[in-house]
C-alpha atoms as a PDB file:
ATOM      1  CA  UNK A   1      17.854  27.145 -23.354  1.00  0.00           C
ATOM      2  CA  UNK A   2      14.928  25.041 -22.060  1.00  0.00           C
ATOM      3  CA  UNK A   3      14.894  23.956 -18.412  1.00  0.00           C
ATOM      4  CA  UNK A   4      15.903  20.436 -17.717  1.00  0.00           C
ATOM      5  CA  UNK A   5      14.896  17.904 -15.011  1.00  0.00           C
ATOM      6  CA  UNK A   6      17.012  14.981 -13.929  1.00  0.00           C
ATOM      7  CA  UNK A   7      15.602  11.622 -12.887  1.00  0.00           C
ATOM      8  CA  UNK A   8      18.015   9.199 -10.998  1.00  0.00           C
ATOM      9  CA  UNK A   9      16.216   5.884 -11.126  1.00  0.00           C
ATOM     10  CA  UNK A  10      17.144   2.714  -9.260  1.00  0.00           C
ATOM     11  CA  UNK A  11      16.840  -0.082 -11.722  1.00  0.00           C
ATOM     12  CA  UNK A  12      16.873  -3.852 -11.535  1.00  0.00           C
ATOM     13  CA  UNK A  13      16.798  -6.150 -14.505  1.00  0.00           C
ATOM     14  CA  UNK A  14      14.894  -8.899 -12.727  1.00  0.00           C
ATOM     15  CA  UNK A  15      14.045 -10.424  -9.359  1.00  0.00           C
ATOM     16  CA  UNK A  16      17.575 -11.770  -8.954  1.00  0.00           C
ATOM     17  CA  UNK A  17      19.347  -8.799 -10.557  1.00  0.00           C
ATOM     18  CA  UNK A  18      21.675  -6.346  -8.912  1.00  0.00           C
ATOM     19  CA  UNK A  19      20.211  -2.915  -8.410  1.00  0.00           C
ATOM     20  CA  UNK A  20      21.951  -0.045 -10.239  1.00  0.00           C
ATOM     21  CA  UNK A  21      21.231   3.646 -10.786  1.00  0.00           C
ATOM     22  CA  UNK A  22      20.605   5.179 -14.175  1.00  0.00           C
ATOM     23  CA  UNK A  23      20.176   8.954 -14.865  1.00  0.00           C
ATOM     24  CA  UNK A  24      17.821  10.526 -17.406  1.00  0.00           C
ATOM     25  CA  UNK A  25      17.646  14.200 -18.385  1.00  0.00           C
ATOM     26  CA  UNK A  26      14.292  15.467 -19.643  1.00  0.00           C
ATOM     27  CA  UNK A  27      12.900  18.784 -20.942  1.00  0.00           C
ATOM     28  CA  UNK A  28      10.678  20.412 -18.272  1.00  0.00           C
ATOM     29  CA  UNK A  29       7.006  21.045 -18.959  1.00  0.00           C
ATOM     30  CA  UNK A  30       4.619  22.805 -16.634  1.00  0.00           C
ATOM     31  CA  UNK A  31       2.200  20.514 -14.614  1.00  0.00           C
ATOM     32  CA  UNK A  32       4.286  17.430 -15.109  1.00  0.00           C
ATOM     33  CA  UNK A  33       4.053  14.598 -12.565  1.00  0.00           C
ATOM     34  CA  UNK A  34       6.375  11.625 -12.124  1.00  0.00           C
ATOM     35  CA  UNK A  35       4.189   9.462 -14.290  1.00  0.00           C
ATOM     36  CA  UNK A  36       4.418  11.863 -17.234  1.00  0.00           C
ATOM     37  CA  UNK A  37       8.191  11.996 -16.800  1.00  0.00           C
ATOM     38  CA  UNK A  38       8.325   8.200 -16.887  1.00  0.00           C
ATOM     39  CA  UNK A  39       6.206   8.254 -20.068  1.00  0.00           C
ATOM     40  CA  UNK A  40       8.710  10.570 -21.732  1.00  0.00           C
ATOM     41  CA  UNK A  41      11.471   8.096 -20.830  1.00  0.00           C
ATOM     42  CA  UNK A  42       9.385   5.208 -22.276  1.00  0.00           C
ATOM     43  CA  UNK A  43       8.993   7.210 -25.498  1.00  0.00           C
ATOM     44  CA  UNK A  44      12.580   7.911 -25.852  1.00  0.00           C
ATOM     45  CA  UNK A  45      14.662   5.667 -23.484  1.00  0.00           C
ATOM     46  CA  UNK A  46      18.016   7.484 -23.819  1.00  0.00           C
ATOM     47  CA  UNK A  47      19.932   8.033 -20.635  1.00  0.00           C
ATOM     48  CA  UNK A  48      21.984  11.141 -19.660  1.00  0.00           C
ATOM     49  CA  UNK A  49      25.086   9.651 -21.339  1.00  0.00           C
ATOM     50  CA  UNK A  50      23.249   9.524 -24.703  1.00  0.00           C
ATOM     51  CA  UNK A  51      22.963   5.740 -24.596  1.00  0.00           C
ATOM     52  CA  UNK A  52      19.762   4.079 -25.684  1.00  0.00           C
ATOM     53  CA  UNK A  53      18.617   1.629 -22.961  1.00  0.00           C
ATOM     54  CA  UNK A  54      15.713  -0.612 -22.160  1.00  0.00           C
ATOM     55  CA  UNK A  55      12.616   1.405 -21.136  1.00  0.00           C
ATOM     56  CA  UNK A  56      12.040   1.754 -17.413  1.00  0.00           C
ATOM     57  CA  UNK A  57       9.417  -0.694 -16.105  1.00  0.00           C
ATOM     58  CA  UNK A  58       6.778   0.809 -13.824  1.00  0.00           C
ATOM     59  CA  UNK A  59       3.122   0.315 -13.075  1.00  0.00           C
ATOM     60  CA  UNK A  60       0.045   2.620 -13.183  1.00  0.00           C
ATOM     61  CA  UNK A  61      -3.666   2.394 -13.596  1.00  0.00           C
ATOM     62  CA  UNK A  62      -6.155   5.056 -12.389  1.00  0.00           C
ATOM     63  CA  UNK A  63      -3.830   8.086 -12.408  1.00  0.00           C
ATOM     64  CA  UNK A  64      -5.857   9.741  -9.597  1.00  0.00           C
ATOM     65  CA  UNK A  65      -4.513   8.082  -6.376  1.00  0.00           C
ATOM     66  CA  UNK A  66      -7.240   5.400  -6.146  1.00  0.00           C
ATOM     67  CA  UNK A  67      -5.608   2.118  -7.319  1.00  0.00           C
ATOM     68  CA  UNK A  68      -2.219   2.336  -5.550  1.00  0.00           C
ATOM     69  CA  UNK A  69      -0.427   0.666  -8.391  1.00  0.00           C
ATOM     70  CA  UNK A  70       2.098   3.416  -9.003  1.00  0.00           C
ATOM     71  CA  UNK A  71       3.552   3.419  -5.467  1.00  0.00           C
ATOM     72  CA  UNK A  72       7.247   3.932  -5.303  1.00  0.00           C
ATOM     73  CA  UNK A  73       9.881   5.730  -3.240  1.00  0.00           C
ATOM     74  CA  UNK A  74      10.245   9.352  -4.578  1.00  0.00           C
ATOM     75  CA  UNK A  75      12.941  11.533  -3.143  1.00  0.00           C
ATOM     76  CA  UNK A  76      13.218   9.104  -0.218  1.00  0.00           C
ATOM     77  CA  UNK A  77       9.464   9.037   0.534  1.00  0.00           C
ATOM     78  CA  UNK A  78       7.001   6.247  -0.340  1.00  0.00           C
ATOM     79  CA  UNK A  79       4.065   7.674  -2.213  1.00  0.00           C
ATOM     80  CA  UNK A  80       2.103   7.498  -5.492  1.00  0.00           C
ATOM     81  CA  UNK A  81       3.787   8.695  -8.655  1.00  0.00           C
ATOM     82  CA  UNK A  82       0.600  10.060 -10.164  1.00  0.00           C
ATOM     83  CA  UNK A  83       0.193  12.794  -7.449  1.00  0.00           C
ATOM     84  CA  UNK A  84       3.888  13.560  -7.217  1.00  0.00           C
ATOM     85  CA  UNK A  85       4.173  16.901  -9.062  1.00  0.00           C
ATOM     86  CA  UNK A  86       7.559  17.755 -10.600  1.00  0.00           C
ATOM     87  CA  UNK A  87       7.189  21.464  -9.555  1.00  0.00           C
ATOM     88  CA  UNK A  88       7.198  20.315  -5.881  1.00  0.00           C
ATOM     89  CA  UNK A  89      10.060  17.821  -6.166  1.00  0.00           C
ATOM     90  CA  UNK A  90      12.911  19.897  -7.429  1.00  0.00           C
ATOM     91  CA  UNK A  91      15.144  19.675 -10.541  1.00  0.00           C
ATOM     92  CA  UNK A  92      16.700  16.387  -9.476  1.00  0.00           C
ATOM     93  CA  UNK A  93      14.370  13.578  -8.542  1.00  0.00           C
ATOM     94  CA  UNK A  94      15.290  10.047  -7.235  1.00  0.00           C
ATOM     95  CA  UNK A  95      12.946   7.124  -7.955  1.00  0.00           C
ATOM     96  CA  UNK A  96      13.329   3.736  -6.188  1.00  0.00           C
ATOM     97  CA  UNK A  97      11.110   0.690  -5.825  1.00  0.00           C
ATOM     98  CA  UNK A  98       9.602  -0.063  -2.450  1.00  0.00           C
ATOM     99  CA  UNK A  99      11.949  -2.468  -0.686  1.00  0.00           C
ATOM    100  CA  UNK A 100       9.460  -4.087   1.663  1.00  0.00           C
ATOM    101  CA  UNK A 101       8.259  -6.089  -1.322  1.00  0.00           C
ATOM    102  CA  UNK A 102      10.323  -8.254  -3.723  1.00  0.00           C
ATOM    103  CA  UNK A 103      11.325  -6.314  -6.848  1.00  0.00           C
ATOM    104  CA  UNK A 104      10.050  -7.757 -10.159  1.00  0.00           C
ATOM    105  CA  UNK A 105      11.801  -5.217 -12.423  1.00  0.00           C
ATOM    106  CA  UNK A 106      12.921  -1.634 -12.013  1.00  0.00           C
ATOM    107  CA  UNK A 107      10.119   0.228 -10.135  1.00  0.00           C
ATOM    108  CA  UNK A 108       7.634  -2.790 -10.210  1.00  0.00           C
ATOM    109  CA  UNK A 109       7.307  -4.821  -6.996  1.00  0.00           C
ATOM    110  CA  UNK A 110       5.356  -7.961  -6.048  1.00  0.00           C
ATOM    111  CA  UNK A 111       2.730  -6.993  -3.490  1.00  0.00           C
ATOM    112  CA  UNK A 112       1.432 -10.527  -2.962  1.00  0.00           C
ATOM    113  CA  UNK A 113       2.274 -10.175   0.774  1.00  0.00           C
ATOM    114  CA  UNK A 114      -0.640  -7.674   1.193  1.00  0.00           C
ATOM    115  CA  UNK A 115      -3.163  -9.710  -0.738  1.00  0.00           C
ATOM    116  CA  UNK A 116      -2.187 -12.882   1.162  1.00  0.00           C
ATOM    117  CA  UNK A 117      -2.786 -11.001   4.435  1.00  0.00           C
ATOM    118  CA  UNK A 118      -6.253 -10.063   3.291  1.00  0.00           C
ATOM    119  CA  UNK A 119      -7.065 -13.712   2.507  1.00  0.00           C
ATOM    120  CA  UNK A 120      -5.783 -14.645   5.950  1.00  0.00           C
ATOM    121  CA  UNK A 121      -8.109 -12.322   7.758  1.00  0.00           C
ATOM    122  CA  UNK A 122     -11.075 -12.992   5.412  1.00  0.00           C
ATOM    123  CA  UNK A 123     -11.308  -9.332   4.243  1.00  0.00           C
ATOM    124  CA  UNK A 124     -14.663  -9.729   2.450  1.00  0.00           C
ATOM    125  CA  UNK A 125     -18.400  -9.948   3.166  1.00  0.00           C
ATOM    126  CA  UNK A 126     -19.388 -13.611   2.881  1.00  0.00           C
ATOM    127  CA  UNK A 127     -22.505 -14.257   0.697  1.00  0.00           C
ATOM    128  CA  UNK A 128     -24.019 -17.702   0.391  1.00  0.00           C
ATOM    129  CA  UNK A 129     -25.047 -18.371  -3.214  1.00  0.00           C
ATOM    130  CA  UNK A 130     -25.582 -16.240  -6.364  1.00  0.00           C
ATOM    131  CA  UNK A 131     -29.245 -15.626  -5.963  1.00  0.00           C
ATOM    132  CA  UNK A 132     -30.798 -12.337  -4.877  1.00  0.00           C
ATOM    133  CA  UNK A 133     -30.658 -12.102  -1.088  1.00  0.00           C
ATOM    134  CA  UNK A 134     -32.637  -8.854  -0.941  1.00  0.00           C
ATOM    135  CA  UNK A 135     -31.477  -5.641   0.700  1.00  0.00           C
ATOM    136  CA  UNK A 136     -28.852  -6.158   3.355  1.00  0.00           C
ATOM    137  CA  UNK A 137     -29.008  -4.786   6.926  1.00  0.00           C
ATOM    138  CA  UNK A 138     -28.623  -1.028   7.348  1.00  0.00           C
ATOM    139  CA  UNK A 139     -25.705   0.504   9.248  1.00  0.00           C
ATOM    140  CA  UNK A 140     -26.424   3.535  11.507  1.00  0.00           C
ATOM    141  CA  UNK A 141     -25.225   6.712   9.805  1.00  0.00           C
ATOM    142  CA  UNK A 142     -22.595   7.462  12.435  1.00  0.00           C
ATOM    143  CA  UNK A 143     -21.055   4.030  12.010  1.00  0.00           C
ATOM    144  CA  UNK A 144     -21.254   4.214   8.225  1.00  0.00           C
ATOM    145  CA  UNK A 145     -19.338   7.529   8.257  1.00  0.00           C
ATOM    146  CA  UNK A 146     -16.317   6.230  10.134  1.00  0.00           C
ATOM    147  CA  UNK A 147     -16.402   2.875   8.319  1.00  0.00           C
ATOM    148  CA  UNK A 148     -16.171   4.755   4.972  1.00  0.00           C
ATOM    149  CA  UNK A 149     -12.956   6.316   6.236  1.00  0.00           C
ATOM    150  CA  UNK A 150     -11.528   2.780   6.810  1.00  0.00           C
ATOM    151  CA  UNK A 151     -12.705   1.661   3.359  1.00  0.00           C
ATOM    152  CA  UNK A 152     -10.543   4.157   1.603  1.00  0.00           C
ATOM    153  CA  UNK A 153      -7.598   1.781   1.641  1.00  0.00           C
ATOM    154  CA  UNK A 154      -6.210   1.242  -1.913  1.00  0.00           C
ATOM    155  CA  UNK A 155      -3.710  -1.546  -1.053  1.00  0.00           C
ATOM    156  CA  UNK A 156      -0.910   0.723  -2.116  1.00  0.00           C
ATOM    157  CA  UNK A 157       1.667  -0.768   0.278  1.00  0.00           C
ATOM    158  CA  UNK A 158       2.978   2.586   1.659  1.00  0.00           C
ATOM    159  CA  UNK A 159       2.089   1.692   5.258  1.00  0.00           C
ATOM    160  CA  UNK A 160       4.024  -1.592   4.963  1.00  0.00           C
ATOM    161  CA  UNK A 161       6.963   0.167   3.343  1.00  0.00           C
ATOM    162  CA  UNK A 162       7.362   2.538   6.260  1.00  0.00           C
ATOM    163  CA  UNK A 163       6.680   0.096   9.010  1.00  0.00           C
ATOM    164  CA  UNK A 164       9.875  -1.056  10.729  1.00  0.00           C
ATOM    165  CA  UNK A 165       8.155  -4.328  11.755  1.00  0.00           C
ATOM    166  CA  UNK A 166       7.389  -5.416   8.199  1.00  0.00           C
ATOM    167  CA  UNK A 167      10.500  -6.835   6.554  1.00  0.00           C
ATOM    168  CA  UNK A 168      11.913 -10.039   5.149  1.00  0.00           C
ATOM    169  CA  UNK A 169      12.746 -11.309   8.693  1.00  0.00           C
ATOM    170  CA  UNK A 170       9.268 -10.745  10.018  1.00  0.00           C
ATOM    171  CA  UNK A 171       5.843 -12.244   9.250  1.00  0.00           C
ATOM    172  CA  UNK A 172       3.908  -9.358  10.749  1.00  0.00           C
ATOM    173  CA  UNK A 173       0.618  -8.989   8.906  1.00  0.00           C
ATOM    174  CA  UNK A 174       0.937  -5.235   8.638  1.00  0.00           C
ATOM    175  CA  UNK A 175      -1.362  -2.351   9.412  1.00  0.00           C
ATOM    176  CA  UNK A 176      -3.383  -2.500   6.209  1.00  0.00           C
ATOM    177  CA  UNK A 177      -4.826  -5.937   6.965  1.00  0.00           C
ATOM    178  CA  UNK A 178      -5.413  -4.980  10.683  1.00  0.00           C
ATOM    179  CA  UNK A 179      -7.484  -1.976   9.437  1.00  0.00           C
ATOM    180  CA  UNK A 180      -9.532  -4.226   7.189  1.00  0.00           C
ATOM    181  CA  UNK A 181     -10.402  -6.542  10.105  1.00  0.00           C
ATOM    182  CA  UNK A 182     -11.879  -3.574  11.875  1.00  0.00           C
ATOM    183  CA  UNK A 183     -13.814  -2.526   8.756  1.00  0.00           C
ATOM    184  CA  UNK A 184     -15.353  -5.947   8.044  1.00  0.00           C
ATOM    185  CA  UNK A 185     -16.054  -6.820  11.669  1.00  0.00           C
ATOM    186  CA  UNK A 186     -18.046  -3.588  11.982  1.00  0.00           C
ATOM    187  CA  UNK A 187     -20.324  -4.641   9.061  1.00  0.00           C
ATOM    188  CA  UNK A 188     -23.617  -6.268  10.143  1.00  0.00           C
ATOM    189  CA  UNK A 189     -23.101  -9.194   7.774  1.00  0.00           C
ATOM    190  CA  UNK A 190     -19.271  -9.259   7.985  1.00  0.00           C
ATOM    191  CA  UNK A 191     -19.564  -9.647  11.768  1.00  0.00           C
ATOM    192  CA  UNK A 192     -20.568 -13.283  11.224  1.00  0.00           C
ATOM    193  CA  UNK A 193     -16.843 -14.044  10.717  1.00  0.00           C
ATOM    194  CA  UNK A 194     -15.630 -11.681  13.456  1.00  0.00           C
ATOM    195  CA  UNK A 195     -14.140 -14.447  15.632  1.00  0.00           C
ATOM    196  CA  UNK A 196     -12.196 -15.953  12.704  1.00  0.00           C
ATOM    197  CA  UNK A 197     -10.629 -12.652  11.892  1.00  0.00           C
ATOM    198  CA  UNK A 198      -9.684 -12.022  15.523  1.00  0.00           C
ATOM    199  CA  UNK A 199      -8.233 -15.498  15.628  1.00  0.00           C
ATOM    200  CA  UNK A 200      -6.069 -14.639  12.690  1.00  0.00           C
ATOM    201  CA  UNK A 201      -4.751 -11.523  14.390  1.00  0.00           C
ATOM    202  CA  UNK A 202      -3.944 -13.558  17.462  1.00  0.00           C
ATOM    203  CA  UNK A 203      -1.853 -16.049  15.527  1.00  0.00           C
ATOM    204  CA  UNK A 204       1.828 -15.906  14.510  1.00  0.00           C
ATOM    205  CA  UNK A 205       2.552 -12.669  12.719  1.00  0.00           C
ATOM    206  CA  UNK A 206      -0.542 -11.093  14.070  1.00  0.00           C
ATOM    207  CA  UNK A 207      -1.175  -7.952  16.045  1.00  0.00           C
ATOM    208  CA  UNK A 208       1.637  -8.819  18.502  1.00  0.00           C
ATOM    209  CA  UNK A 209       4.116  -7.895  15.796  1.00  0.00           C
ATOM    210  CA  UNK A 210       3.184  -4.218  15.809  1.00  0.00           C
ATOM    211  CA  UNK A 211       5.819  -2.046  17.537  1.00  0.00           C
ATOM    212  CA  UNK A 212       3.625   1.060  17.650  1.00  0.00           C
ATOM    213  CA  UNK A 213       6.023   3.197  15.677  1.00  0.00           C
ATOM    214  CA  UNK A 214       3.059   5.034  14.161  1.00  0.00           C
ATOM    215  CA  UNK A 215       4.821   5.514  10.852  1.00  0.00           C
ATOM    216  CA  UNK A 216       1.851   4.013   9.078  1.00  0.00           C
ATOM    217  CA  UNK A 217      -0.740   6.608  10.086  1.00  0.00           C
ATOM    218  CA  UNK A 218       1.675   9.451   9.286  1.00  0.00           C
ATOM    219  CA  UNK A 219       2.390   8.161   5.744  1.00  0.00           C
ATOM    220  CA  UNK A 220      -1.046   6.863   4.671  1.00  0.00           C
ATOM    221  CA  UNK A 221      -1.973   8.842   1.553  1.00  0.00           C
ATOM    222  CA  UNK A 222      -5.666   8.525   2.391  1.00  0.00           C
ATOM    223  CA  UNK A 223      -5.349   9.566   5.966  1.00  0.00           C
ATOM    224  CA  UNK A 224      -6.788   6.370   7.330  1.00  0.00           C
ATOM    225  CA  UNK A 225      -6.658   6.220  11.204  1.00  0.00           C
ATOM    226  CA  UNK A 226      -4.579   3.062  11.196  1.00  0.00           C
ATOM    227  CA  UNK A 227      -3.209   3.419  14.737  1.00  0.00           C
ATOM    228  CA  UNK A 228      -6.776   3.885  16.018  1.00  0.00           C
ATOM    229  CA  UNK A 229      -7.783   0.646  14.375  1.00  0.00           C
ATOM    230  CA  UNK A 230      -4.747  -1.093  15.874  1.00  0.00           C
ATOM    231  CA  UNK A 231      -5.549   0.174  19.394  1.00  0.00           C
ATOM    232  CA  UNK A 232      -9.256  -0.811  19.009  1.00  0.00           C
ATOM    233  CA  UNK A 233      -8.367  -4.337  17.889  1.00  0.00           C
ATOM    234  CA  UNK A 234      -5.879  -4.748  20.666  1.00  0.00           C
ATOM    235  CA  UNK A 235      -8.800  -4.414  23.091  1.00  0.00           C
ATOM    236  CA  UNK A 236     -11.024  -6.616  20.965  1.00  0.00           C
ATOM    237  CA  UNK A 237      -8.445  -9.330  20.881  1.00  0.00           C
ATOM    238  CA  UNK A 238      -7.990  -9.132  24.673  1.00  0.00           C
ATOM    239  CA  UNK A 239     -11.766  -9.608  25.173  1.00  0.00           C
ATOM    240  CA  UNK A 240     -11.858 -12.385  22.585  1.00  0.00           C
ATOM    241  CA  UNK A 241      -8.989 -14.247  24.348  1.00  0.00           C
ATOM    242  CA  UNK A 242     -10.746 -14.073  27.690  1.00  0.00           C
ATOM    243  CA  UNK A 243     -14.024 -15.342  26.191  1.00  0.00           C
ATOM    244  CA  UNK A 244     -12.214 -18.287  24.680  1.00  0.00           C
ATOM    245  CA  UNK A 245     -10.497 -19.044  27.903  1.00  0.00           C
ATOM    246  CA  UNK A 246     -13.718 -19.025  29.950  1.00  0.00           C
ATOM    247  CA  UNK A 247     -16.024 -20.760  27.436  1.00  0.00           C
ATOM    248  CA  UNK A 248     -13.752 -23.338  25.757  1.00  0.00           C
END
């Protein structure tokens, strides 16, 4: 008799639907990940009771932990489904959508909150015009190395999911956007908008909303030093506030 694995999936038929759990039993194959298990369900959407149901809705893209699209809560831990190996999860696996974000359907969530935060802090390098501006300024190698670590963020949403200060009752911008402020303020060209980004972090829902739980840095799949960025920008904001007070 072939080995079976059981997936208990929290489903929701739409944004206003009521969450419910549905169980699926699958034949085990070596080297399966959660994505391949969900693909099996999509090919044959029959639950453990033998009833044919609507296929489970979920997202994916790169399948190599780069895009962040397949983030969900697996066995109680927010992570990416593409790198969640069945062999390391046990015979019974629970899948739930991240609850920090509004559920669209089943395991798909609306992550607009993160992208709106990036707009708020101007998380980009401003370029005037479409013509060739020539080579940009060089960054010292030591700065480039740590800036690269900050740039690994894939907007997956895990740091917001585990942060107790990011919820429907709070407008805290979240550790992901704070980290991007440090990244773009360190860039020789991005520094032109440094004060605007610091102003954004000083406003409502800014850095003052951080409770320093440090859940974000412990759960980040890319190992980004989020709490280091938060501490650094706390000092930057203090200096920025004093400058504004003295010179305005």
